[in-house]
């Protein structure tokens, strides 16, 4: 089932290549809005897609394994999971921590680029997930994501 979800999000990305997209995370904070972005490229030969933030022009490559691993991680969670969108190292049970842990081992690095919010945007925009509120370990209200059934 997760393979099917991965194919769905990948097909969605391919069909929306070049379009200006608005992050659905805007609903969390009207004052700190995420940048609009576009999908520049979906490259099966490199197993990655590249998004470009429209305001800054920054290009962010996102490997396919990040999408697959995010879907797999979220599929095992019945409730909203903390995205972990802050710059600092995220909590242990966040999507960002999950992705950074894999990346650090995979590429033998001590740090990794923040990607969970952008992976989350793609999953939500493709109709596979929803954003909502959840609580951090300390009880703070934080941004969360949950796969749709």
N, C-alpha and C. Protein backbone atom coordinates (compact mmCIF):
# COMPACT_ATOMS: atom_id res chain seq x y z
N UNK A 1 0.83 -1.20 0.00
CA UNK A 1 0.00 0.00 0.00
C UNK A 1 0.87 1.27 0.00
N UNK A 2 2.00 1.22 0.77
CA UNK A 2 2.87 2.40 0.81
C UNK A 2 3.49 2.66 -0.57
N UNK A 3 3.82 1.57 -1.32
CA UNK A 3 4.37 1.75 -2.66
C UNK A 3 3.38 2.48 -3.54
N UNK A 4 2.11 2.15 -3.40
CA UNK A 4 1.06 2.80 -4.17
C UNK A 4 0.99 4.29 -3.81
N UNK A 5 1.08 4.61 -2.53
CA UNK A 5 1.05 6.01 -2.09
C UNK A 5 2.26 6.76 -2.64
N UNK A 6 3.42 6.10 -2.63
CA UNK A 6 4.61 6.72 -3.19
C UNK A 6 4.41 7.02 -4.68
N UNK A 7 3.87 6.06 -5.42
CA UNK A 7 3.62 6.26 -6.85
C UNK A 7 2.61 7.39 -7.07
N UNK A 8 1.60 7.47 -6.20
CA UNK A 8 0.60 8.54 -6.32
C UNK A 8 1.22 9.92 -6.14
N UNK A 9 2.06 10.07 -5.11
CA UNK A 9 2.67 11.38 -4.88
C UNK A 9 3.67 11.71 -5.99
N UNK A 10 4.39 10.71 -6.47
CA UNK A 10 5.34 10.93 -7.55
C UNK A 10 4.61 11.34 -8.84
N UNK A 11 3.52 10.67 -9.15
CA UNK A 11 2.72 11.04 -10.33
C UNK A 11 2.17 12.46 -10.17
N UNK A 12 1.72 12.80 -8.95
CA UNK A 12 1.20 14.14 -8.69
C UNK A 12 2.31 15.18 -8.94
N UNK A 13 3.51 14.90 -8.44
CA UNK A 13 4.63 15.82 -8.63
C UNK A 13 4.94 16.00 -10.11
N UNK A 14 4.93 14.92 -10.86
CA UNK A 14 5.22 15.00 -12.30
C UNK A 14 4.15 15.83 -13.02
N UNK A 15 2.90 15.65 -12.64
CA UNK A 15 1.82 16.38 -13.33
C UNK A 15 1.73 17.84 -12.90
N UNK A 16 2.39 18.20 -11.81
CA UNK A 16 2.35 19.59 -11.33
C UNK A 16 3.69 20.30 -11.48
N UNK A 17 4.59 19.68 -12.21
CA UNK A 17 5.90 20.28 -12.47
C UNK A 17 5.73 21.65 -13.11
N UNK A 18 6.48 22.64 -12.61
CA UNK A 18 6.46 23.98 -13.19
C UNK A 18 5.37 24.90 -12.67
N UNK A 19 4.42 24.41 -11.91
CA UNK A 19 3.34 25.24 -11.38
C UNK A 19 3.77 25.87 -10.06
N UNK A 20 3.32 27.10 -9.83
CA UNK A 20 3.55 27.75 -8.53
C UNK A 20 2.62 27.09 -7.51
N UNK A 21 3.18 26.65 -6.40
CA UNK A 21 2.43 25.95 -5.36
C UNK A 21 2.53 26.71 -4.04
N UNK A 22 1.45 26.73 -3.30
CA UNK A 22 1.41 27.38 -2.00
C UNK A 22 1.42 26.32 -0.92
N UNK A 23 2.29 26.50 0.06
CA UNK A 23 2.39 25.54 1.16
C UNK A 23 1.09 25.51 1.97
N UNK A 24 0.53 24.32 2.17
CA UNK A 24 -0.65 24.22 3.04
C UNK A 24 -0.33 24.47 4.52
N UNK A 25 0.95 24.61 4.86
CA UNK A 25 1.32 24.96 6.24
C UNK A 25 0.97 26.40 6.58
N UNK A 26 0.55 27.19 5.61
CA UNK A 26 0.17 28.58 5.87
C UNK A 26 -0.94 28.68 6.91
N UNK A 27 -1.76 27.63 7.01
CA UNK A 27 -2.87 27.67 7.96
C UNK A 27 -2.40 27.70 9.41
N UNK A 28 -1.15 27.32 9.66
CA UNK A 28 -0.64 27.28 11.02
C UNK A 28 -0.28 28.66 11.56
N UNK A 29 0.20 29.53 10.70
CA UNK A 29 0.66 30.83 11.18
C UNK A 29 0.56 31.87 10.07
N UNK A 30 -0.36 32.81 10.20
CA UNK A 30 -0.47 33.84 9.17
C UNK A 30 0.70 34.83 9.18
N UNK A 31 1.48 34.87 10.26
CA UNK A 31 2.58 35.83 10.34
C UNK A 31 3.90 35.24 9.83
N UNK A 32 4.14 33.95 10.05
CA UNK A 32 5.37 33.30 9.58
C UNK A 32 4.99 32.34 8.46
N UNK A 33 4.86 32.87 7.26
CA UNK A 33 4.36 32.04 6.17
C UNK A 33 5.50 31.36 5.42
N UNK A 34 5.33 30.07 5.12
CA UNK A 34 6.33 29.39 4.31
C UNK A 34 6.32 29.92 2.88
N UNK A 35 7.44 29.81 2.22
CA UNK A 35 7.56 30.31 0.84
C UNK A 35 6.77 29.44 -0.13
N UNK A 36 6.22 30.09 -1.16
CA UNK A 36 5.65 29.36 -2.28
C UNK A 36 6.81 28.68 -3.01
N UNK A 37 6.50 27.61 -3.72
CA UNK A 37 7.55 26.87 -4.41
C UNK A 37 7.00 26.27 -5.69
N UNK A 38 7.90 25.76 -6.51
CA UNK A 38 7.49 25.01 -7.69
C UNK A 38 8.36 23.76 -7.78
N UNK A 39 7.82 22.76 -8.43
CA UNK A 39 8.58 21.54 -8.68
C UNK A 39 9.30 21.74 -10.01
N UNK A 40 10.62 21.84 -9.92
CA UNK A 40 11.42 22.10 -11.12
C UNK A 40 11.56 20.87 -11.99
N UNK A 41 11.71 19.72 -11.31
CA UNK A 41 12.18 18.57 -12.03
C UNK A 41 11.86 17.32 -11.22
N UNK A 42 11.45 16.26 -11.89
CA UNK A 42 11.27 14.94 -11.27
C UNK A 42 12.10 13.99 -12.10
N UNK A 43 13.20 13.52 -11.54
CA UNK A 43 14.19 12.76 -12.30
C UNK A 43 14.28 11.32 -11.80
N UNK A 44 13.61 10.41 -12.51
CA UNK A 44 13.62 9.01 -12.11
C UNK A 44 15.03 8.41 -12.19
N UNK A 45 15.85 8.88 -13.11
CA UNK A 45 17.20 8.32 -13.24
C UNK A 45 18.07 8.65 -12.02
N UNK A 46 17.81 9.78 -11.38
CA UNK A 46 18.55 10.16 -10.17
C UNK A 46 17.76 9.84 -8.90
N UNK A 47 16.52 9.38 -9.06
CA UNK A 47 15.63 9.10 -7.93
C UNK A 47 15.51 10.32 -7.01
N UNK A 48 15.27 11.47 -7.64
CA UNK A 48 15.07 12.69 -6.85
C UNK A 48 14.22 13.68 -7.62
N UNK A 49 13.61 14.57 -6.85
CA UNK A 49 12.92 15.70 -7.46
C UNK A 49 13.56 16.95 -6.88
N UNK A 50 13.38 18.05 -7.57
CA UNK A 50 13.95 19.31 -7.10
C UNK A 50 12.83 20.33 -7.05
N UNK A 51 12.76 21.02 -5.90
CA UNK A 51 11.80 22.12 -5.77
C UNK A 51 12.59 23.42 -5.68
N UNK A 52 11.93 24.50 -6.11
CA UNK A 52 12.56 25.82 -6.02
C UNK A 52 11.62 26.75 -5.28
N UNK A 53 12.16 27.43 -4.28
CA UNK A 53 11.38 28.40 -3.53
C UNK A 53 11.30 29.67 -4.36
N UNK A 54 10.09 30.15 -4.57
CA UNK A 54 9.90 31.26 -5.51
C UNK A 54 10.45 32.58 -5.01
N UNK A 55 10.37 32.81 -3.71
CA UNK A 55 10.85 34.09 -3.17
C UNK A 55 12.38 34.17 -3.18
N UNK A 56 13.03 33.13 -2.71
CA UNK A 56 14.49 33.17 -2.58
C UNK A 56 15.22 32.62 -3.80
N UNK A 57 14.55 31.77 -4.57
CA UNK A 57 15.21 31.13 -5.71
C UNK A 57 16.01 29.89 -5.32
N UNK A 58 16.07 29.57 -4.04
CA UNK A 58 16.82 28.42 -3.56
C UNK A 58 16.22 27.13 -4.13
N UNK A 59 17.09 26.24 -4.55
CA UNK A 59 16.67 24.94 -5.06
C UNK A 59 16.99 23.88 -4.02
N UNK A 60 16.01 23.02 -3.74
CA UNK A 60 16.18 21.96 -2.76
C UNK A 60 15.93 20.61 -3.42
N UNK A 61 16.97 19.78 -3.52
CA UNK A 61 16.76 18.42 -4.04
C UNK A 61 16.16 17.54 -2.94
N UNK A 62 15.19 16.72 -3.32
CA UNK A 62 14.54 15.79 -2.40
C UNK A 62 14.61 14.39 -3.00
N UNK A 63 15.38 13.53 -2.37
CA UNK A 63 15.53 12.17 -2.87
C UNK A 63 14.23 11.40 -2.68
N UNK A 64 13.96 10.47 -3.58
CA UNK A 64 12.75 9.66 -3.50
C UNK A 64 12.65 8.91 -2.17
N UNK A 65 13.80 8.47 -1.64
CA UNK A 65 13.74 7.71 -0.39
C UNK A 65 13.10 8.53 0.72
N UNK A 66 13.22 9.85 0.67
CA UNK A 66 12.62 10.69 1.71
C UNK A 66 11.09 10.60 1.64
N UNK A 67 10.54 10.60 0.44
CA UNK A 67 9.09 10.44 0.29
C UNK A 67 8.65 9.06 0.76
N UNK A 68 9.35 8.03 0.29
CA UNK A 68 9.00 6.66 0.67
C UNK A 68 9.09 6.44 2.17
N UNK A 69 10.17 6.91 2.76
CA UNK A 69 10.38 6.73 4.19
C UNK A 69 9.37 7.51 5.02
N UNK A 70 9.01 8.70 4.54
CA UNK A 70 8.00 9.50 5.25
C UNK A 70 6.65 8.80 5.24
N UNK A 71 6.28 8.25 4.10
CA UNK A 71 5.01 7.53 3.99
C UNK A 71 5.01 6.32 4.91
N UNK A 72 6.11 5.58 4.90
CA UNK A 72 6.24 4.39 5.75
C UNK A 72 6.16 4.77 7.23
N UNK A 73 6.87 5.82 7.61
CA UNK A 73 6.89 6.28 9.01
C UNK A 73 5.49 6.71 9.45
N UNK A 74 4.82 7.50 8.62
CA UNK A 74 3.50 8.02 8.99
C UNK A 74 2.43 6.92 8.96
N UNK A 75 2.62 5.92 8.11
CA UNK A 75 1.64 4.84 8.01
C UNK A 75 1.50 4.08 9.33
N UNK A 76 2.54 4.08 10.12
CA UNK A 76 2.50 3.38 11.40
C UNK A 76 1.98 4.22 12.55
N UNK A 77 1.52 5.42 12.27
CA UNK A 77 1.08 6.34 13.33
C UNK A 77 -0.41 6.67 13.14
N UNK A 78 -1.24 6.38 14.14
CA UNK A 78 -2.69 6.65 14.00
C UNK A 78 -3.05 8.13 14.18
N UNK A 79 -2.20 8.90 14.86
CA UNK A 79 -2.49 10.30 15.14
C UNK A 79 -1.51 11.21 14.41
N UNK A 80 -1.73 12.51 14.54
CA UNK A 80 -0.82 13.48 13.95
C UNK A 80 0.56 13.33 14.57
N UNK A 81 1.58 13.45 13.73
CA UNK A 81 2.98 13.35 14.15
C UNK A 81 3.60 14.72 13.98
N UNK A 82 4.39 15.14 14.97
CA UNK A 82 5.08 16.42 14.91
C UNK A 82 5.97 16.45 13.67
N UNK A 83 5.86 17.52 12.89
CA UNK A 83 6.67 17.67 11.68
C UNK A 83 8.13 17.93 12.05
N UNK A 84 8.36 18.79 13.04
CA UNK A 84 9.73 19.13 13.42
C UNK A 84 10.31 20.17 12.49
N UNK A 85 9.55 21.22 12.22
CA UNK A 85 9.91 22.21 11.20
C UNK A 85 10.90 23.28 11.67
N UNK A 86 11.28 23.28 12.91
CA UNK A 86 12.24 24.29 13.38
C UNK A 86 13.63 24.01 12.88
N UNK A 87 14.47 25.01 12.92
CA UNK A 87 15.84 24.90 12.41
C UNK A 87 16.68 23.94 13.26
N UNK A 88 16.54 23.99 14.58
CA UNK A 88 17.34 23.15 15.46
C UNK A 88 17.01 21.68 15.31
N UNK A 89 17.77 20.84 15.99
CA UNK A 89 17.52 19.41 15.94
C UNK A 89 16.15 19.11 16.54
N UNK A 90 15.33 18.37 15.84
CA UNK A 90 13.97 18.10 16.29
C UNK A 90 13.90 16.98 17.33
N UNK A 91 12.74 16.86 17.92
CA UNK A 91 12.50 15.80 18.90
C UNK A 91 12.60 14.44 18.26
N UNK A 92 12.77 13.44 19.11
CA UNK A 92 12.97 12.07 18.66
C UNK A 92 11.81 11.50 17.85
N UNK A 93 10.58 11.91 18.13
CA UNK A 93 9.43 11.29 17.47
C UNK A 93 8.85 12.13 16.34
N UNK A 94 9.63 13.03 15.80
CA UNK A 94 9.14 13.89 14.72
C UNK A 94 9.51 13.29 13.36
N UNK A 95 8.79 13.71 12.34
CA UNK A 95 9.12 13.30 10.97
C UNK A 95 10.51 13.80 10.60
N UNK A 96 10.86 15.01 10.99
CA UNK A 96 12.18 15.56 10.67
C UNK A 96 13.29 14.71 11.29
N UNK A 97 13.13 14.32 12.54
CA UNK A 97 14.14 13.50 13.20
C UNK A 97 14.27 12.15 12.47
N UNK A 98 13.16 11.58 12.09
CA UNK A 98 13.18 10.31 11.36
C UNK A 98 14.02 10.44 10.09
N UNK A 99 13.75 11.48 9.29
CA UNK A 99 14.48 11.67 8.04
C UNK A 99 15.95 12.00 8.27
N UNK A 100 16.24 12.82 9.26
CA UNK A 100 17.64 13.19 9.54
C UNK A 100 18.44 11.98 10.02
N UNK A 101 17.83 11.13 10.83
CA UNK A 101 18.52 9.94 11.33
C UNK A 101 18.92 9.04 10.15
N UNK A 102 18.01 8.82 9.23
CA UNK A 102 18.31 7.99 8.05
C UNK A 102 19.39 8.65 7.20
N UNK A 103 19.25 9.94 6.94
CA UNK A 103 20.20 10.65 6.08
C UNK A 103 21.61 10.65 6.66
N UNK A 104 21.73 10.88 7.95
CA UNK A 104 23.05 10.91 8.58
C UNK A 104 23.76 9.56 8.44
N UNK A 105 23.01 8.47 8.60
CA UNK A 105 23.60 7.14 8.43
C UNK A 105 23.91 6.87 6.96
N UNK A 106 22.97 7.19 6.11
CA UNK A 106 23.10 6.91 4.68
C UNK A 106 24.28 7.64 4.05
N UNK A 107 24.45 8.91 4.40
CA UNK A 107 25.50 9.73 3.79
C UNK A 107 26.70 9.95 4.70
N UNK A 108 26.68 9.35 5.87
CA UNK A 108 27.78 9.46 6.85
C UNK A 108 28.13 10.91 7.15
N UNK A 109 27.08 11.69 7.47
CA UNK A 109 27.25 13.11 7.80
C UNK A 109 26.77 13.35 9.22
N UNK A 110 27.23 14.45 9.79
CA UNK A 110 26.79 14.81 11.14
C UNK A 110 25.54 15.66 11.12
N UNK A 111 25.22 16.27 9.98
CA UNK A 111 24.04 17.14 9.88
C UNK A 111 23.34 16.85 8.56
N UNK A 112 22.11 17.35 8.47
CA UNK A 112 21.33 17.17 7.24
C UNK A 112 20.44 18.38 7.05
N UNK A 113 20.02 18.60 5.82
CA UNK A 113 19.12 19.69 5.48
C UNK A 113 17.71 19.41 5.98
N UNK A 114 17.03 20.43 6.42
CA UNK A 114 15.64 20.31 6.87
C UNK A 114 14.76 20.02 5.65
N UNK A 115 14.09 18.87 5.64
CA UNK A 115 13.25 18.51 4.49
C UNK A 115 11.83 18.11 4.87
N UNK A 116 11.57 17.75 6.11
CA UNK A 116 10.24 17.23 6.50
C UNK A 116 9.09 18.19 6.15
N UNK A 117 9.22 19.50 6.38
CA UNK A 117 8.10 20.38 6.04
C UNK A 117 7.76 20.35 4.55
N UNK A 118 8.78 20.23 3.72
CA UNK A 118 8.57 20.26 2.27
C UNK A 118 8.03 18.91 1.77
N UNK A 119 8.52 17.83 2.36
CA UNK A 119 7.97 16.51 2.06
C UNK A 119 6.50 16.49 2.48
N UNK A 120 6.22 17.03 3.67
CA UNK A 120 4.85 17.10 4.15
C UNK A 120 3.96 17.89 3.21
N UNK A 121 4.44 19.02 2.72
CA UNK A 121 3.66 19.82 1.77
C UNK A 121 3.29 19.01 0.54
N UNK A 122 4.25 18.26 0.01
CA UNK A 122 3.99 17.45 -1.18
C UNK A 122 2.94 16.37 -0.89
N UNK A 123 3.05 15.72 0.27
CA UNK A 123 2.08 14.69 0.63
C UNK A 123 0.68 15.27 0.80
N UNK A 124 0.59 16.45 1.43
CA UNK A 124 -0.71 17.09 1.64
C UNK A 124 -1.28 17.58 0.30
N UNK A 125 -0.47 18.26 -0.49
CA UNK A 125 -0.94 18.77 -1.77
C UNK A 125 -1.38 17.63 -2.71
N UNK A 126 -0.73 16.48 -2.61
CA UNK A 126 -1.09 15.33 -3.44
C UNK A 126 -2.33 14.61 -2.91
N UNK A 127 -2.82 15.06 -1.76
CA UNK A 127 -4.04 14.47 -1.21
C UNK A 127 -3.84 13.22 -0.38
N UNK A 128 -2.61 12.94 0.02
CA UNK A 128 -2.32 11.72 0.78
C UNK A 128 -2.25 11.94 2.28
N UNK A 129 -2.16 13.19 2.71
CA UNK A 129 -2.00 13.48 4.13
C UNK A 129 -2.75 14.76 4.48
N UNK A 130 -2.90 14.99 5.76
CA UNK A 130 -3.51 16.21 6.28
C UNK A 130 -2.59 16.82 7.33
N UNK A 131 -2.67 18.13 7.46
CA UNK A 131 -1.98 18.83 8.54
C UNK A 131 -2.98 19.10 9.66
N UNK A 132 -2.48 19.12 10.87
CA UNK A 132 -3.30 19.46 12.03
C UNK A 132 -2.39 19.73 13.21
N UNK A 133 -2.98 19.98 14.34
CA UNK A 133 -2.20 20.27 15.55
C UNK A 133 -1.97 19.00 16.35
N UNK A 134 -0.83 18.94 17.00
CA UNK A 134 -0.51 17.87 17.93
C UNK A 134 0.26 18.48 19.09
N UNK A 135 0.69 17.65 20.02
CA UNK A 135 1.44 18.16 21.18
C UNK A 135 2.85 17.60 21.16
N UNK A 136 3.79 18.44 21.56
CA UNK A 136 5.17 18.00 21.72
C UNK A 136 5.27 17.21 23.02
N UNK A 137 6.42 16.63 23.26
CA UNK A 137 6.65 15.88 24.50
C UNK A 137 6.44 16.77 25.71
N UNK A 138 6.73 18.07 25.56
CA UNK A 138 6.57 19.02 26.67
C UNK A 138 5.15 19.55 26.77
N UNK A 139 4.26 19.14 25.86
CA UNK A 139 2.88 19.58 25.90
C UNK A 139 2.59 20.84 25.10
N UNK A 140 3.58 21.35 24.35
CA UNK A 140 3.34 22.52 23.50
C UNK A 140 2.51 22.11 22.29
N UNK A 141 1.71 23.01 21.76
CA UNK A 141 0.95 22.78 20.55
C UNK A 141 1.88 23.00 19.35
N UNK A 142 2.03 21.97 18.52
CA UNK A 142 2.97 22.04 17.39
C UNK A 142 2.28 21.52 16.11
N UNK A 143 2.90 21.85 14.99
CA UNK A 143 2.39 21.43 13.69
C UNK A 143 2.56 19.92 13.52
N UNK A 144 1.49 19.27 13.03
CA UNK A 144 1.56 17.82 12.83
C UNK A 144 1.06 17.42 11.45
N UNK A 145 1.36 16.19 11.08
CA UNK A 145 0.93 15.62 9.81
C UNK A 145 0.46 14.19 10.06
N UNK A 146 -0.54 13.77 9.28
CA UNK A 146 -1.09 12.43 9.40
C UNK A 146 -1.49 11.95 8.01
N UNK A 147 -1.15 10.70 7.70
CA UNK A 147 -1.58 10.12 6.43
C UNK A 147 -3.08 9.91 6.45
N UNK A 148 -3.71 10.08 5.30
CA UNK A 148 -5.11 9.71 5.17
C UNK A 148 -5.17 8.20 4.97
N UNK A 149 -6.24 7.62 5.38
CA UNK A 149 -6.37 6.15 5.25
C UNK A 149 -6.67 5.76 3.83
